[in-house]
Amino acid sequence: MALGLAELTLLVIVGTLAAIVYSLRILVLLERRIAGMEMNIQLVTKKILKEELKIEQKVTRTTKKAKKKR
């Protein structure tokens, strides 16, 4: 059973298309994973910002009290 040139070319094209589809699938999965990581980073950043604001408020309060005592 010998394949002709047309059948061989068709098989190569179909194989290439299958590889492209598989690659796109992998890229979509990676993009979703990265998007999840970005969301987690944003949440952590918001929490850190809140804590920094709390610390800053406490520091400004204590410096104001120290200035009043002088």
C-alpha atoms as a PDB file:
ATOM      1  CA  MET A   1       0.000   0.000   0.000  1.00  0.00           C
ATOM      2  CA  ALA A   2       2.027   2.909  -1.269  1.00  0.00           C
ATOM      3  CA  LEU A   3       0.894   6.441  -0.638  1.00  0.00           C
ATOM      4  CA  GLY A   4       0.851   8.858  -3.482  1.00  0.00           C
ATOM      5  CA  LEU A   5       2.337  12.316  -3.321  1.00  0.00           C
ATOM      6  CA  ALA A   6      -1.094  13.926  -2.789  1.00  0.00           C
ATOM      7  CA  GLU A   7      -1.948  11.631   0.146  1.00  0.00           C
ATOM      8  CA  LEU A   8       1.457  12.190   1.740  1.00  0.00           C
ATOM      9  CA  THR A   9       1.092  15.955   1.413  1.00  0.00           C
ATOM     10  CA  LEU A  10      -2.389  15.787   2.911  1.00  0.00           C
ATOM     11  CA  LEU A  11      -1.097  13.747   5.869  1.00  0.00           C
ATOM     12  CA  VAL A  12       1.660  16.290   6.494  1.00  0.00           C
ATOM     13  CA  ILE A  13      -0.834  19.153   6.411  1.00  0.00           C
ATOM     14  CA  VAL A  14      -3.240  17.375   8.776  1.00  0.00           C
ATOM     15  CA  GLY A  15      -0.399  16.536  11.162  1.00  0.00           C
ATOM     16  CA  THR A  16       0.778  20.131  11.144  1.00  0.00           C
ATOM     17  CA  LEU A  17      -2.725  21.389  11.874  1.00  0.00           C
ATOM     18  CA  ALA A  18      -3.063  18.899  14.733  1.00  0.00           C
ATOM     19  CA  ALA A  19       0.233  20.144  16.196  1.00  0.00           C
ATOM     20  CA  ILE A  20      -0.937  23.757  15.945  1.00  0.00           C
ATOM     21  CA  VAL A  21      -4.222  22.964  17.689  1.00  0.00           C
ATOM     22  CA  TYR A  22      -2.385  21.112  20.472  1.00  0.00           C
ATOM     23  CA  SER A  23       0.031  24.037  20.901  1.00  0.00           C
ATOM     24  CA  LEU A  24      -2.855  26.492  21.145  1.00  0.00           C
ATOM     25  CA  ARG A  25      -4.484  24.294  23.767  1.00  0.00           C
ATOM     26  CA  ILE A  26      -1.304  24.338  25.835  1.00  0.00           C
ATOM     27  CA  LEU A  27      -1.007  28.120  25.425  1.00  0.00           C
ATOM     28  CA  VAL A  28      -4.581  28.634  26.623  1.00  0.00           C
ATOM     29  CA  LEU A  29      -3.958  26.476  29.685  1.00  0.00           C
ATOM     30  CA  LEU A  30      -0.777  28.400  30.494  1.00  0.00           C
ATOM     31  CA  GLU A  31      -2.548  31.731  30.028  1.00  0.00           C
ATOM     32  CA  ARG A  32      -5.264  30.677  32.468  1.00  0.00           C
ATOM     33  CA  ARG A  33      -2.662  29.581  34.985  1.00  0.00           C
ATOM     34  CA  ILE A  34      -0.778  32.881  34.658  1.00  0.00           C
ATOM     35  CA  ALA A  35      -4.031  34.853  35.008  1.00  0.00           C
ATOM     36  CA  GLY A  36      -4.709  33.005  38.264  1.00  0.00           C
ATOM     37  CA  MET A  37      -1.237  33.889  39.526  1.00  0.00           C
ATOM     38  CA  GLU A  38      -1.792  37.543  38.621  1.00  0.00           C
ATOM     39  CA  MET A  39      -5.031  37.587  40.591  1.00  0.00           C
ATOM     40  CA  ASN A  40      -3.265  36.145  43.629  1.00  0.00           C
ATOM     41  CA  ILE A  41      -0.487  38.726  43.320  1.00  0.00           C
ATOM     42  CA  GLN A  42      -3.064  41.514  43.168  1.00  0.00           C
ATOM     43  CA  LEU A  43      -4.789  40.221  46.300  1.00  0.00           C
ATOM     44  CA  VAL A  44      -1.499  40.018  48.187  1.00  0.00           C
ATOM     45  CA  THR A  45      -0.564  43.509  47.012  1.00  0.00           C
ATOM     46  CA  LYS A  46      -3.863  44.918  48.268  1.00  0.00           C
ATOM     47  CA  LYS A  47      -3.358  43.284  51.660  1.00  0.00           C
ATOM     48  CA  ILE A  48       0.176  44.658  51.918  1.00  0.00           C
ATOM     49  CA  LEU A  49      -1.035  48.137  50.970  1.00  0.00           C
ATOM     50  CA  LYS A  50      -3.694  48.036  53.702  1.00  0.00           C
ATOM     51  CA  GLU A  51      -1.104  46.990  56.270  1.00  0.00           C
ATOM     52  CA  GLU A  52       1.289  49.726  55.141  1.00  0.00           C
ATOM     53  CA  LEU A  53      -1.451  52.327  55.481  1.00  0.00           C
ATOM     54  CA  LYS A  54      -2.209  51.110  59.016  1.00  0.00           C
ATOM     55  CA  ILE A  55       1.468  51.328  59.938  1.00  0.00           C
ATOM     56  CA  GLU A  56       1.783  54.774  58.394  1.00  0.00           C
ATOM     57  CA  GLN A  57      -1.221  56.038  60.351  1.00  0.00           C
ATOM     58  CA  LYS A  58       0.218  54.701  63.605  1.00  0.00           C
ATOM     59  CA  VAL A  59       3.586  56.267  62.906  1.00  0.00           C
ATOM     60  CA  THR A  60       2.065  59.660  62.121  1.00  0.00           C
ATOM     61  CA  ARG A  61      -0.038  59.497  65.283  1.00  0.00           C
ATOM     62  CA  THR A  62       2.975  58.753  67.464  1.00  0.00           C
ATOM     63  CA  THR A  63       5.065  61.512  65.864  1.00  0.00           C
ATOM     64  CA  LYS A  64       2.231  64.023  66.389  1.00  0.00           C
ATOM     65  CA  LYS A  65       1.972  63.003  70.052  1.00  0.00           C
ATOM     66  CA  ALA A  66       5.735  63.335  70.482  1.00  0.00           C
ATOM     67  CA  LYS A  67       5.682  66.834  68.976  1.00  0.00           C
ATOM     68  CA  LYS A  68       2.860  67.922  71.291  1.00  0.00           C
ATOM     69  CA  LYS A  69       4.812  66.803  74.362  1.00  0.00           C
ATOM     70  CA  ARG A  70       7.768  69.010  73.400  1.00  0.00           C
END
